[in-house]
C-alpha atoms as a PDB file:
ATOM      1  CA  MET A   1      19.718   0.974  43.188  1.00  0.00           C
ATOM      2  CA  PRO A   2      17.559   3.886  41.962  1.00  0.00           C
ATOM      3  CA  ILE A   3      13.855   3.622  42.588  1.00  0.00           C
ATOM      4  CA  LEU A   4      11.496   5.259  40.108  1.00  0.00           C
ATOM      5  CA  SER A   5       7.729   5.306  40.178  1.00  0.00           C
ATOM      6  CA  GLY A   6       5.377   4.745  37.261  1.00  0.00           C
ATOM      7  CA  GLU A   7       5.677   2.496  34.252  1.00  0.00           C
ATOM      8  CA  ARG A   8       8.838   4.056  32.865  1.00  0.00           C
ATOM      9  CA  VAL A   9      11.970   2.858  34.591  1.00  0.00           C
ATOM     10  CA  TYR A  10      15.257   3.231  32.700  1.00  0.00           C
ATOM     11  CA  GLU A  11      13.630   5.695  30.269  1.00  0.00           C
ATOM     12  CA  THR A  12      13.215   8.282  33.000  1.00  0.00           C
ATOM     13  CA  TYR A  13      16.636   7.532  34.499  1.00  0.00           C
ATOM     14  CA  TYR A  14      18.409   8.177  31.193  1.00  0.00           C
ATOM     15  CA  GLY A  15      16.168  11.052  30.132  1.00  0.00           C
ATOM     16  CA  LEU A  16      14.440   9.208  27.308  1.00  0.00           C
ATOM     17  CA  THR A  17      10.974  10.187  26.154  1.00  0.00           C
ATOM     18  CA  ASP A  18       9.823   6.651  25.407  1.00  0.00           C
ATOM     19  CA  LYS A  19      10.898   3.028  25.315  1.00  0.00           C
ATOM     20  CA  PRO A  20      13.391   2.761  22.424  1.00  0.00           C
ATOM     21  CA  PHE A  21      13.426  -1.016  21.983  1.00  0.00           C
ATOM     22  CA  GLN A  22       9.826  -2.106  22.201  1.00  0.00           C
ATOM     23  CA  LEU A  23       9.030  -5.371  20.467  1.00  0.00           C
ATOM     24  CA  ASN A  24       5.748  -4.257  18.890  1.00  0.00           C
ATOM     25  CA  PRO A  25       6.199  -3.015  15.301  1.00  0.00           C
ATOM     26  CA  ASP A  26       6.011   0.776  15.169  1.00  0.00           C
ATOM     27  CA  PRO A  27       6.508   2.678  11.893  1.00  0.00           C
ATOM     28  CA  ALA A  28       7.714   5.674  13.912  1.00  0.00           C
ATOM     29  CA  PHE A  29      10.919   3.712  14.560  1.00  0.00           C
ATOM     30  CA  TYR A  30      11.329   2.567  10.949  1.00  0.00           C
ATOM     31  CA  PHE A  31      14.993   2.252  10.020  1.00  0.00           C
ATOM     32  CA  ALA A  32      15.887   2.195   6.331  1.00  0.00           C
ATOM     33  CA  SER A  33      18.699  -0.322   6.132  1.00  0.00           C
ATOM     34  CA  ARG A  34      19.892  -1.318   2.666  1.00  0.00           C
ATOM     35  CA  GLY A  35      17.631  -4.359   2.749  1.00  0.00           C
ATOM     36  CA  HIS A  36      14.626  -2.422   3.982  1.00  0.00           C
ATOM     37  CA  LYS A  37      15.164   0.287   1.345  1.00  0.00           C
ATOM     38  CA  ARG A  38      15.250  -2.318  -1.381  1.00  0.00           C
ATOM     39  CA  ALA A  39      12.175  -4.137  -0.073  1.00  0.00           C
ATOM     40  CA  PHE A  40      10.324  -0.829   0.219  1.00  0.00           C
ATOM     41  CA  ALA A  41      11.296   0.047  -3.361  1.00  0.00           C
ATOM     42  CA  TYR A  42       9.769  -3.233  -4.551  1.00  0.00           C
ATOM     43  CA  LEU A  43       6.537  -2.415  -2.714  1.00  0.00           C
ATOM     44  CA  GLN A  44       6.429   1.059  -4.244  1.00  0.00           C
ATOM     45  CA  TYR A  45       7.075  -0.435  -7.663  1.00  0.00           C
ATOM     46  CA  GLY A  46       4.149  -2.764  -7.103  1.00  0.00           C
ATOM     47  CA  LEU A  47       1.880   0.133  -6.189  1.00  0.00           C
ATOM     48  CA  HIS A  48       2.957   1.946  -9.326  1.00  0.00           C
ATOM     49  CA  GLN A  49       2.123  -1.088 -11.471  1.00  0.00           C
ATOM     50  CA  GLY A  50      -1.244  -1.482  -9.775  1.00  0.00           C
ATOM     51  CA  GLU A  51      -1.673  -5.166 -10.563  1.00  0.00           C
ATOM     52  CA  GLY A  52      -0.384  -8.642  -9.842  1.00  0.00           C
ATOM     53  CA  PHE A  53       1.465  -9.851  -6.767  1.00  0.00           C
ATOM     54  CA  ILE A  54       4.479  -8.591  -4.841  1.00  0.00           C
ATOM     55  CA  ILE A  55       6.109 -11.106  -2.507  1.00  0.00           C
ATOM     56  CA  ILE A  56       8.295 -10.106   0.430  1.00  0.00           C
ATOM     57  CA  THR A  57       9.898 -12.754   2.651  1.00  0.00           C
ATOM     58  CA  GLY A  58      12.224 -12.585   5.640  1.00  0.00           C
ATOM     59  CA  GLU A  59      13.205 -14.387   8.799  1.00  0.00           C
ATOM     60  CA  VAL A  60      11.188 -14.025  12.006  1.00  0.00           C
ATOM     61  CA  GLY A  61      11.842 -10.572  13.450  1.00  0.00           C
ATOM     62  CA  ALA A  62      13.476  -9.191  10.295  1.00  0.00           C
ATOM     63  CA  GLY A  63      11.167  -6.164  10.247  1.00  0.00           C
ATOM     64  CA  LYS A  64       8.614  -7.197   7.614  1.00  0.00           C
ATOM     65  CA  THR A  65       5.592  -5.964   9.565  1.00  0.00           C
ATOM     66  CA  THR A  66       7.245  -2.642  10.381  1.00  0.00           C
ATOM     67  CA  LEU A  67       8.025  -2.282   6.678  1.00  0.00           C
ATOM     68  CA  ILE A  68       4.380  -2.854   5.747  1.00  0.00           C
ATOM     69  CA  ARG A  69       3.109  -0.466   8.397  1.00  0.00           C
ATOM     70  CA  ASN A  70       5.504   2.172   7.146  1.00  0.00           C
ATOM     71  CA  LEU A  71       4.073   1.686   3.661  1.00  0.00           C
ATOM     72  CA  LEU A  72       0.507   1.988   4.938  1.00  0.00           C
ATOM     73  CA  GLU A  73       1.430   5.252   6.683  1.00  0.00           C
ATOM     74  CA  GLN A  74       2.383   6.740   3.312  1.00  0.00           C
ATOM     75  CA  ILE A  75      -0.584   5.549   1.285  1.00  0.00           C
ATOM     76  CA  ASP A  76      -3.079   8.192   0.189  1.00  0.00           C
ATOM     77  CA  PRO A  77      -6.541   6.864   1.168  1.00  0.00           C
ATOM     78  CA  LYS A  78      -8.051   9.051  -1.550  1.00  0.00           C
ATOM     79  CA  GLN A  79      -6.326   6.921  -4.168  1.00  0.00           C
ATOM     80  CA  LEU A  80      -5.925   3.506  -2.594  1.00  0.00           C
ATOM     81  CA  VAL A  81      -8.115   1.390  -0.316  1.00  0.00           C
ATOM     82  CA  ALA A  82      -5.760  -0.908   1.571  1.00  0.00           C
ATOM     83  CA  ALA A  83      -6.740  -3.909   3.662  1.00  0.00           C
ATOM     84  CA  GLN A  84      -4.397  -6.004   5.763  1.00  0.00           C
ATOM     85  CA  LEU A  85      -5.013  -9.429   7.208  1.00  0.00           C
ATOM     86  CA  VAL A  86      -2.867 -11.915   9.079  1.00  0.00           C
ATOM     87  CA  SER A  87      -3.051 -15.479   7.853  1.00  0.00           C
ATOM     88  CA  THR A  88      -3.671 -18.004  10.618  1.00  0.00           C
ATOM     89  CA  GLN A  89      -3.732 -21.101   8.442  1.00  0.00           C
ATOM     90  CA  LEU A  90      -6.818 -19.884   6.632  1.00  0.00           C
ATOM     91  CA  ASP A  91      -8.496 -22.218   4.172  1.00  0.00           C
ATOM     92  CA  ALA A  92     -10.109 -21.022   0.958  1.00  0.00           C
ATOM     93  CA  ASP A  93     -13.595 -20.167   2.211  1.00  0.00           C
ATOM     94  CA  ASP A  94     -12.272 -18.622   5.416  1.00  0.00           C
ATOM     95  CA  LEU A  95      -9.869 -16.523   3.362  1.00  0.00           C
ATOM     96  CA  LEU A  96     -12.656 -15.057   1.256  1.00  0.00           C
ATOM     97  CA  ARG A  97     -14.608 -14.101   4.356  1.00  0.00           C
ATOM     98  CA  ALA A  98     -11.460 -12.613   5.920  1.00  0.00           C
ATOM     99  CA  VAL A  99     -10.793 -10.544   2.785  1.00  0.00           C
ATOM    100  CA  ALA A 100     -14.364  -9.248   2.767  1.00  0.00           C
ATOM    101  CA  THR A 101     -14.125  -8.322   6.443  1.00  0.00           C
ATOM    102  CA  ALA A 102     -10.752  -6.616   5.913  1.00  0.00           C
ATOM    103  CA  PHE A 103     -12.354  -4.353   3.313  1.00  0.00           C
ATOM    104  CA  GLY A 104     -15.212  -3.577   5.678  1.00  0.00           C
ATOM    105  CA  LEU A 105     -17.803  -5.741   3.957  1.00  0.00           C
ATOM    106  CA  PRO A 106     -20.257  -8.000   5.775  1.00  0.00           C
ATOM    107  CA  ALA A 107     -19.031 -11.572   5.422  1.00  0.00           C
ATOM    108  CA  ASN A 108     -22.226 -13.350   6.369  1.00  0.00           C
ATOM    109  CA  ALA A 109     -22.982 -14.756   2.923  1.00  0.00           C
ATOM    110  CA  SER A 110     -23.133 -18.524   3.263  1.00  0.00           C
ATOM    111  CA  ASP A 111     -22.828 -19.074  -0.479  1.00  0.00           C
ATOM    112  CA  LYS A 112     -19.338 -18.703  -1.982  1.00  0.00           C
ATOM    113  CA  ALA A 113     -20.661 -17.397  -5.292  1.00  0.00           C
ATOM    114  CA  ARG A 114     -22.582 -14.668  -3.514  1.00  0.00           C
ATOM    115  CA  LEU A 115     -19.554 -13.702  -1.434  1.00  0.00           C
ATOM    116  CA  LEU A 116     -17.418 -13.436  -4.572  1.00  0.00           C
ATOM    117  CA  ALA A 117     -20.119 -11.340  -6.223  1.00  0.00           C
ATOM    118  CA  GLU A 118     -20.171  -8.948  -3.267  1.00  0.00           C
ATOM    119  CA  LEU A 119     -16.389  -8.616  -3.341  1.00  0.00           C
ATOM    120  CA  GLU A 120     -16.392  -7.936  -7.073  1.00  0.00           C
ATOM    121  CA  ALA A 121     -19.178  -5.364  -6.735  1.00  0.00           C
ATOM    122  CA  PHE A 122     -17.177  -3.565  -4.033  1.00  0.00           C
ATOM    123  CA  LEU A 123     -14.031  -3.506  -6.169  1.00  0.00           C
ATOM    124  CA  VAL A 124     -15.956  -2.243  -9.186  1.00  0.00           C
ATOM    125  CA  SER A 125     -17.517   0.524  -7.075  1.00  0.00           C
ATOM    126  CA  LEU A 126     -14.043   1.942  -6.443  1.00  0.00           C
ATOM    127  CA  VAL A 127     -13.383   2.626 -10.138  1.00  0.00           C
ATOM    128  CA  PRO A 128     -15.712   5.655 -10.493  1.00  0.00           C
ATOM    129  CA  GLN A 129     -14.042   7.041  -7.360  1.00  0.00           C
ATOM    130  CA  ARG A 130     -10.639   6.681  -9.069  1.00  0.00           C
ATOM    131  CA  LYS A 131      -9.494   4.381  -6.321  1.00  0.00           C
ATOM    132  CA  ARG A 132      -7.724   1.041  -6.379  1.00  0.00           C
ATOM    133  CA  ALA A 133      -7.751  -1.827  -3.895  1.00  0.00           C
ATOM    134  CA  LEU A 134      -4.698  -3.320  -2.221  1.00  0.00           C
ATOM    135  CA  LEU A 135      -4.730  -6.490  -0.135  1.00  0.00           C
ATOM    136  CA  ILE A 136      -1.762  -7.218   2.142  1.00  0.00           C
ATOM    137  CA  VAL A 137      -1.558 -10.735   3.555  1.00  0.00           C
ATOM    138  CA  ASP A 138       0.932 -11.093   6.410  1.00  0.00           C
ATOM    139  CA  GLU A 139       2.231 -14.491   7.568  1.00  0.00           C
ATOM    140  CA  ALA A 140       1.270 -15.750   4.111  1.00  0.00           C
ATOM    141  CA  GLN A 141       3.364 -18.897   4.565  1.00  0.00           C
ATOM    142  CA  HIS A 142       0.448 -20.320   6.566  1.00  0.00           C
ATOM    143  CA  LEU A 143      -2.031 -20.102   3.699  1.00  0.00           C
ATOM    144  CA  SER A 144      -3.235 -23.425   2.348  1.00  0.00           C
ATOM    145  CA  GLY A 145      -2.798 -24.201  -1.333  1.00  0.00           C
ATOM    146  CA  ARG A 146      -6.528 -23.696  -1.902  1.00  0.00           C
ATOM    147  CA  ALA A 147      -6.390 -20.334  -0.156  1.00  0.00           C
ATOM    148  CA  VAL A 148      -3.521 -19.146  -2.362  1.00  0.00           C
ATOM    149  CA  GLU A 149      -5.489 -20.274  -5.396  1.00  0.00           C
ATOM    150  CA  GLU A 150      -8.434 -18.155  -4.216  1.00  0.00           C
ATOM    151  CA  LEU A 151      -6.134 -15.136  -4.041  1.00  0.00           C
ATOM    152  CA  ARG A 152      -5.092 -15.797  -7.616  1.00  0.00           C
ATOM    153  CA  MET A 153      -8.722 -16.033  -8.650  1.00  0.00           C
ATOM    154  CA  LEU A 154      -9.472 -12.712  -6.964  1.00  0.00           C
ATOM    155  CA  SER A 155      -6.743 -11.141  -9.079  1.00  0.00           C
ATOM    156  CA  ASN A 156      -8.838 -12.093 -12.138  1.00  0.00           C
ATOM    157  CA  PHE A 157     -11.409  -9.420 -11.298  1.00  0.00           C
ATOM    158  CA  GLN A 158     -11.181  -6.809 -14.029  1.00  0.00           C
ATOM    159  CA  LEU A 159     -13.140  -3.931 -15.459  1.00  0.00           C
ATOM    160  CA  GLY A 160     -12.129  -3.647 -19.089  1.00  0.00           C
ATOM    161  CA  ASN A 161      -8.340  -3.904 -19.066  1.00  0.00           C
ATOM    162  CA  GLN A 162      -8.029  -2.629 -15.512  1.00  0.00           C
ATOM    163  CA  GLY A 163      -7.268  -5.059 -12.696  1.00  0.00           C
ATOM    164  CA  LEU A 164      -9.399  -4.424  -9.630  1.00  0.00           C
ATOM    165  CA  LEU A 165      -7.255  -5.949  -6.886  1.00  0.00           C
ATOM    166  CA  GLN A 166      -3.546  -6.001  -6.191  1.00  0.00           C
ATOM    167  CA  SER A 167      -2.021  -8.272  -3.521  1.00  0.00           C
ATOM    168  CA  PHE A 168       1.162  -8.193  -1.447  1.00  0.00           C
ATOM    169  CA  LEU A 169       2.128 -11.492   0.171  1.00  0.00           C
ATOM    170  CA  VAL A 170       4.457 -11.163   3.146  1.00  0.00           C
ATOM    171  CA  GLY A 171       5.837 -14.107   5.053  1.00  0.00           C
ATOM    172  CA  GLN A 172       8.692 -16.210   6.332  1.00  0.00           C
ATOM    173  CA  PRO A 173      11.147 -18.011   3.996  1.00  0.00           C
ATOM    174  CA  GLU A 174       8.808 -21.011   3.750  1.00  0.00           C
ATOM    175  CA  LEU A 175       6.623 -18.848   1.507  1.00  0.00           C
ATOM    176  CA  ARG A 176       9.323 -18.924  -1.171  1.00  0.00           C
ATOM    177  CA  THR A 177       9.370 -22.708  -1.006  1.00  0.00           C
ATOM    178  CA  ILE A 178       5.576 -22.831  -1.302  1.00  0.00           C
ATOM    179  CA  MET A 179       5.708 -20.538  -4.338  1.00  0.00           C
ATOM    180  CA  GLN A 180       8.059 -22.954  -6.115  1.00  0.00           C
ATOM    181  CA  GLY A 181       5.492 -25.766  -5.957  1.00  0.00           C
ATOM    182  CA  PRO A 182       4.099 -27.042  -9.264  1.00  0.00           C
ATOM    183  CA  GLN A 183       0.558 -26.009  -8.266  1.00  0.00           C
ATOM    184  CA  MET A 184       1.715 -22.378  -8.008  1.00  0.00           C
ATOM    185  CA  GLN A 185       2.731 -21.993 -11.645  1.00  0.00           C
ATOM    186  CA  GLN A 186      -0.238 -19.791 -12.571  1.00  0.00           C
ATOM    187  CA  LEU A 187       0.279 -17.534  -9.566  1.00  0.00           C
ATOM    188  CA  ARG A 188       4.023 -17.229 -10.275  1.00  0.00           C
ATOM    189  CA  GLN A 189       3.123 -15.852 -13.692  1.00  0.00           C
ATOM    190  CA  ARG A 190       1.354 -12.973 -11.938  1.00  0.00           C
ATOM    191  CA  VAL A 191       4.210 -12.083  -9.584  1.00  0.00           C
ATOM    192  CA  MET A 192       5.532  -8.654 -10.549  1.00  0.00           C
ATOM    193  CA  ALA A 193       8.499  -8.822  -8.157  1.00  0.00           C
ATOM    194  CA  SER A 194       9.752 -10.627  -5.075  1.00  0.00           C
ATOM    195  CA  TYR A 195      12.408  -9.845  -2.499  1.00  0.00           C
ATOM    196  CA  HIS A 196      13.928 -11.583   0.522  1.00  0.00           C
ATOM    197  CA  LEU A 197      14.645  -9.243   3.427  1.00  0.00           C
ATOM    198  CA  GLY A 198      17.880 -10.378   5.031  1.00  0.00           C
ATOM    199  CA  PRO A 199      19.568  -9.337   8.305  1.00  0.00           C
ATOM    200  CA  MET A 200      21.521  -6.131   8.774  1.00  0.00           C
ATOM    201  CA  ASP A 201      25.312  -6.070   8.764  1.00  0.00           C
ATOM    202  CA  LYS A 202      27.474  -4.918  11.682  1.00  0.00           C
ATOM    203  CA  ALA A 203      27.552  -1.232  10.675  1.00  0.00           C
ATOM    204  CA  GLU A 204      23.785  -1.166  10.098  1.00  0.00           C
ATOM    205  CA  THR A 205      23.190  -2.835  13.463  1.00  0.00           C
ATOM    206  CA  GLN A 206      25.015  -0.019  15.229  1.00  0.00           C
ATOM    207  CA  ALA A 207      23.203   2.603  13.147  1.00  0.00           C
ATOM    208  CA  TYR A 208      19.873   0.900  13.914  1.00  0.00           C
ATOM    209  CA  ILE A 209      20.506   1.023  17.673  1.00  0.00           C
ATOM    210  CA  GLU A 210      21.555   4.658  17.585  1.00  0.00           C
ATOM    211  CA  HIS A 211      18.590   5.552  15.361  1.00  0.00           C
ATOM    212  CA  ARG A 212      16.083   4.109  17.818  1.00  0.00           C
ATOM    213  CA  LEU A 213      17.794   5.750  20.783  1.00  0.00           C
ATOM    214  CA  ARG A 214      17.925   9.173  19.147  1.00  0.00           C
ATOM    215  CA  HIS A 215      14.256   8.879  18.262  1.00  0.00           C
ATOM    216  CA  VAL A 216      13.470   8.997  22.005  1.00  0.00           C
ATOM    217  CA  GLY A 217      15.885  11.804  22.882  1.00  0.00           C
ATOM    218  CA  TRP A 218      19.077   9.852  23.662  1.00  0.00           C
ATOM    219  CA  ARG A 219      22.114  12.054  24.335  1.00  0.00           C
ATOM    220  CA  ASP A 220      24.829   9.419  24.737  1.00  0.00           C
ATOM    221  CA  ASP A 221      23.589   8.384  28.162  1.00  0.00           C
ATOM    222  CA  PRO A 222      24.243   5.566  28.507  1.00  0.00           C
ATOM    223  CA  THR A 223      27.219   5.372  26.168  1.00  0.00           C
ATOM    224  CA  PHE A 224      27.789   2.238  24.096  1.00  0.00           C
ATOM    225  CA  ASP A 225      31.429   1.502  23.315  1.00  0.00           C
ATOM    226  CA  LYS A 226      32.574  -0.197  20.098  1.00  0.00           C
ATOM    227  CA  GLY A 227      32.909  -3.574  21.776  1.00  0.00           C
ATOM    228  CA  ALA A 228      29.294  -3.426  22.941  1.00  0.00           C
ATOM    229  CA  PHE A 229      28.018  -2.892  19.401  1.00  0.00           C
ATOM    230  CA  ASP A 230      30.170  -5.768  18.148  1.00  0.00           C
ATOM    231  CA  ALA A 231      28.845  -8.071  20.883  1.00  0.00           C
ATOM    232  CA  ILE A 232      25.232  -7.077  20.173  1.00  0.00           C
ATOM    233  CA  PHE A 233      25.718  -7.901  16.510  1.00  0.00           C
ATOM    234  CA  ALA A 234      27.315 -11.246  17.342  1.00  0.00           C
ATOM    235  CA  PHE A 235      24.311 -12.213  19.460  1.00  0.00           C
ATOM    236  CA  SER A 236      21.542 -10.810  17.248  1.00  0.00           C
ATOM    237  CA  ALA A 237      23.007 -11.641  13.816  1.00  0.00           C
ATOM    238  CA  GLY A 238      21.530  -8.332  12.653  1.00  0.00           C
ATOM    239  CA  ILE A 239      17.887  -9.353  13.245  1.00  0.00           C
ATOM    240  CA  PRO A 240      15.935  -6.302  14.509  1.00  0.00           C
ATOM    241  CA  ARG A 241      13.748  -8.178  16.992  1.00  0.00           C
ATOM    242  CA  GLN A 242      16.783  -9.887  18.521  1.00  0.00           C
ATOM    243  CA  ILE A 243      18.501  -6.514  18.803  1.00  0.00           C
ATOM    244  CA  ASN A 244      15.464  -4.999  20.519  1.00  0.00           C
ATOM    245  CA  THR A 245      15.211  -7.849  23.017  1.00  0.00           C
ATOM    246  CA  LEU A 246      18.878  -7.642  23.976  1.00  0.00           C
ATOM    247  CA  CYS A 247      19.105  -3.839  24.101  1.00  0.00           C
ATOM    248  CA  ASN A 248      15.986  -3.552  26.233  1.00  0.00           C
ATOM    249  CA  ARG A 249      17.551  -5.934  28.757  1.00  0.00           C
ATOM    250  CA  LEU A 250      20.855  -4.076  28.552  1.00  0.00           C
ATOM    251  CA  LEU A 251      19.331  -0.716  29.409  1.00  0.00           C
ATOM    252  CA  LEU A 252      17.347  -2.195  32.279  1.00  0.00           C
ATOM    253  CA  ALA A 253      20.472  -3.879  33.709  1.00  0.00           C
ATOM    254  CA  ALA A 254      22.492  -0.677  33.304  1.00  0.00           C
ATOM    255  CA  TYR A 255      19.804   1.286  35.137  1.00  0.00           C
ATOM    256  CA  LEU A 256      19.691  -1.218  37.991  1.00  0.00           C
ATOM    257  CA  SER A 257      23.481  -1.010  38.329  1.00  0.00           C
ATOM    258  CA  GLU A 258      23.484   2.798  37.888  1.00  0.00           C
ATOM    259  CA  LYS A 259      25.896   2.537  34.957  1.00  0.00           C
ATOM    260  CA  HIS A 260      26.311   5.114  32.245  1.00  0.00           C
ATOM    261  CA  THR A 261      28.590   3.124  29.964  1.00  0.00           C
ATOM    262  CA  ILE A 262      27.791  -0.204  28.329  1.00  0.00           C
ATOM    263  CA  ASP A 263      30.663  -2.351  27.094  1.00  0.00           C
ATOM    264  CA  ALA A 264      31.134  -5.837  25.659  1.00  0.00           C
ATOM    265  CA  GLU A 265      31.268  -7.462  29.103  1.00  0.00           C
ATOM    266  CA  HIS A 266      27.850  -6.075  29.969  1.00  0.00           C
ATOM    267  CA  VAL A 267      26.440  -7.437  26.711  1.00  0.00           C
ATOM    268  CA  GLU A 268      28.004 -10.850  27.252  1.00  0.00           C
ATOM    269  CA  ALA A 269      26.572 -10.998  30.778  1.00  0.00           C
ATOM    270  CA  ILE A 270      23.051 -10.330  29.524  1.00  0.00           C
ATOM    271  CA  VAL A 271      23.482 -12.825  26.693  1.00  0.00           C
ATOM    272  CA  ALA A 272      24.514 -15.417  29.285  1.00  0.00           C
ATOM    273  CA  GLU A 273      21.416 -14.635  31.345  1.00  0.00           C
ATOM    274  CA  ILE A 274      19.173 -15.054  28.305  1.00  0.00           C
ATOM    275  CA  ALA A 275      20.881 -18.348  27.437  1.00  0.00           C
ATOM    276  CA  ILE A 276      20.327 -19.652  30.970  1.00  0.00           C
ATOM    277  CA  GLU A 277      16.667 -18.639  30.856  1.00  0.00           C
ATOM    278  CA  LEU A 278      16.118 -20.358  27.522  1.00  0.00           C
ATOM    279  CA  SER A 279      18.002 -23.411  28.747  1.00  0.00           C
ATOM    280  CA  GLY A 280      15.818 -23.507  31.849  1.00  0.00           C
ATOM    281  CA  LEU A 281      12.669 -23.484  29.716  1.00  0.00           C
ATOM    282  CA  ASN A 282      13.986 -26.334  27.613  1.00  0.00           C
ATOM    283  CA  VAL A 283      14.984 -28.362  30.699  1.00  0.00           C
ATOM    284  CA  ALA A 284      11.527 -27.873  32.205  1.00  0.00           C
ATOM    285  CA  ALA A 285       9.918 -29.069  28.989  1.00  0.00           C
ATOM    286  CA  GLN A 286      12.223 -32.082  28.835  1.00  0.00           C
ATOM    287  CA  GLU A 287      11.497 -32.971  32.465  1.00  0.00           C
ATOM    288  CA  GLN A 288       7.757 -32.816  31.856  1.00  0.00           C
ATOM    289  CA  THR A 289       8.117 -34.980  28.761  1.00  0.00           C
ATOM    290  CA  ALA A 290      10.293 -37.472  30.672  1.00  0.00           C
ATOM    291  CA  SER A 291       7.736 -37.583  33.488  1.00  0.00           C
ATOM    292  CA  ALA A 292       4.974 -38.287  30.994  1.00  0.00           C
ATOM    293  CA  THR A 293       7.014 -41.039  29.353  1.00  0.00           C
ATOM    294  CA  SER A 294       7.747 -42.561  32.741  1.00  0.00           C
ATOM    295  CA  SER A 295       4.028 -42.594  33.551  1.00  0.00           C
ATOM    296  CA  ILE A 296       3.367 -44.550  30.370  1.00  0.00           C
ATOM    297  CA  GLU A 297       6.161 -47.033  31.051  1.00  0.00           C
ATOM    298  CA  ASP A 298       5.089 -47.580  34.665  1.00  0.00           C
ATOM    299  CA  PHE A 299       1.543 -48.204  33.564  1.00  0.00           C
ATOM    300  CA  LEU A 300       2.517 -50.633  30.815  1.00  0.00           C
ATOM    301  CA  GLU A 301       4.734 -52.596  33.173  1.00  0.00           C
ATOM    302  CA  ASP A 302       1.945 -52.777  35.743  1.00  0.00           C
ATOM    303  CA  ALA A 303      -0.704 -53.531  33.129  1.00  0.00           C
ATOM    304  CA  THR A 304       1.056 -56.669  31.914  1.00  0.00           C
ATOM    305  CA  SER A 305       0.570 -58.286  35.290  1.00  0.00           C
ATOM    306  CA  ALA A 306      -3.021 -57.126  35.756  1.00  0.00           C
ATOM    307  CA  PHE A 307      -6.051 -59.348  35.169  1.00  0.00           C
ATOM    308  CA  GLY A 308      -9.345 -58.404  33.580  1.00  0.00           C
ATOM    309  CA  LEU A 309      -9.747 -56.437  30.349  1.00  0.00           C
ATOM    310  CA  GLU A 310     -12.176 -53.728  31.525  1.00  0.00           C
ATOM    311  CA  PRO A 311     -10.118 -52.557  34.562  1.00  0.00           C
ATOM    312  CA  ARG A 312      -7.025 -52.377  32.390  1.00  0.00           C
ATOM    313  CA  VAL A 313      -8.808 -50.306  29.710  1.00  0.00           C
ATOM    314  CA  ALA A 314     -10.171 -47.925  32.354  1.00  0.00           C
ATOM    315  CA  ARG A 315      -6.725 -47.483  33.888  1.00  0.00           C
ATOM    316  CA  LEU A 316      -5.219 -46.908  30.441  1.00  0.00           C
ATOM    317  CA  GLU A 317      -7.716 -44.114  29.741  1.00  0.00           C
ATOM    318  CA  ARG A 318      -6.900 -42.439  33.063  1.00  0.00           C
ATOM    319  CA  ALA A 319      -3.169 -42.730  32.435  1.00  0.00           C
ATOM    320  CA  MET A 320      -3.358 -41.299  28.921  1.00  0.00           C
ATOM    321  CA  SER A 321      -5.501 -38.381  30.121  1.00  0.00           C
ATOM    322  CA  SER A 322      -2.847 -37.603  32.713  1.00  0.00           C
ATOM    323  CA  VAL A 323      -0.093 -37.837  30.121  1.00  0.00           C
ATOM    324  CA  VAL A 324      -1.868 -35.440  27.765  1.00  0.00           C
ATOM    325  CA  LYS A 325      -2.152 -32.869  30.561  1.00  0.00           C
ATOM    326  CA  LEU A 326       1.568 -33.224  31.234  1.00  0.00           C
ATOM    327  CA  LEU A 327       2.582 -32.961  27.603  1.00  0.00           C
ATOM    328  CA  GLN A 328       0.509 -29.864  26.786  1.00  0.00           C
ATOM    329  CA  PRO A 329       2.604 -27.330  28.755  1.00  0.00           C
ATOM    330  CA  ALA A 330       5.781 -28.981  27.487  1.00  0.00           C
ATOM    331  CA  ALA A 331       4.623 -28.593  23.910  1.00  0.00           C
ATOM    332  CA  ARG A 332       3.732 -24.977  24.514  1.00  0.00           C
ATOM    333  CA  SER A 333       7.178 -24.277  25.955  1.00  0.00           C
ATOM    334  CA  ASP A 334       8.935 -25.593  22.835  1.00  0.00           C
ATOM    335  CA  ALA A 335       6.405 -24.332  20.308  1.00  0.00           C
ATOM    336  CA  PRO A 336       7.462 -21.536  17.920  1.00  0.00           C
ATOM    337  CA  GLU A 337       5.919 -18.133  18.343  1.00  0.00           C
ATOM    338  CA  SER A 338       2.276 -18.010  17.296  1.00  0.00           C
ATOM    339  CA  SER A 339       1.654 -16.439  13.986  1.00  0.00           C
ATOM    340  CA  ALA A 340      -1.772 -15.124  14.883  1.00  0.00           C
ATOM    341  CA  ASN A 341      -0.628 -11.600  15.825  1.00  0.00           C
ATOM    342  CA  ARG A 342       2.875 -11.330  14.577  1.00  0.00           C
ATOM    343  CA  THR A 343       1.953  -8.454  12.387  1.00  0.00           C
ATOM    344  CA  ARG A 344       1.284  -6.424  15.344  1.00  0.00           C
ATOM    345  CA  LYS A 345       4.697  -6.983  16.146  1.00  0.00           C
ATOM    346  CA  GLY A 346       7.974  -6.759  13.659  1.00  0.00           C
END
């Protein structure tokens, strides 16, 4: 097995200039699939209109954050002041403070009316500079109904006939469901366009892999045969983050085995490893949950034969405290990925 020093392992072995399948969203690796082109066109259309809401949804790992970062790379700061925030189940008042902070304003006003006045004054100050304001809310499916209503109210800020704030809402498919709610009727009337970013097809998956490899100087080493691309697509279903996870593991395994060709068998072996790892995590969580349940049952059985109310209450408190400690890591193991920093990832 080759031994290489430093942080780069298979990159150096295969003559790559960087890690091609990093999980963090990076606009430098942006790949314009048909879906991404269409979503990007909707965003550009929104910028051209300069008002209302644009809504982009997609599954976890579909490339929404990379899409937004690619847009931000192309925005002229002399014409548009853009602010981006990640929703972490923000309520209405917290949202207003987060918006103010995202635009670089102090958010220490305790009074909501004053905070709104400061936001409006900032937006108005951009007009003489011939600038507009754009707010991008990522993970918008976590916004409360009151928070979404505050966003709609912010879109009411106008100077004459000119809207002062445009908003892009980006989130998982649940956002579309939220938008269909009866309380969202007024906001729906302000939606200029919406688009759901779906997965890539088999041909795009292969093109995506080759695009990322070529971006870091790949010269067909290692070589991927047709069966490998088919197997990668079967596992990933065309979701960019799934592709990155699998391909990163593939290149590491190929380096460790000193291979220069990757075929379907290699892909299937890595997929099996990932499945075993995920299964192991689930088993561990189930065992912890079962242990906690057993602790409760043992206590209840013992408690029925015990005498004295106070000792039994004290023992119950100790048992429940122990159970909570057992359940917490199990819950974390099965919990979905946190939404707090998913934008810094794609």
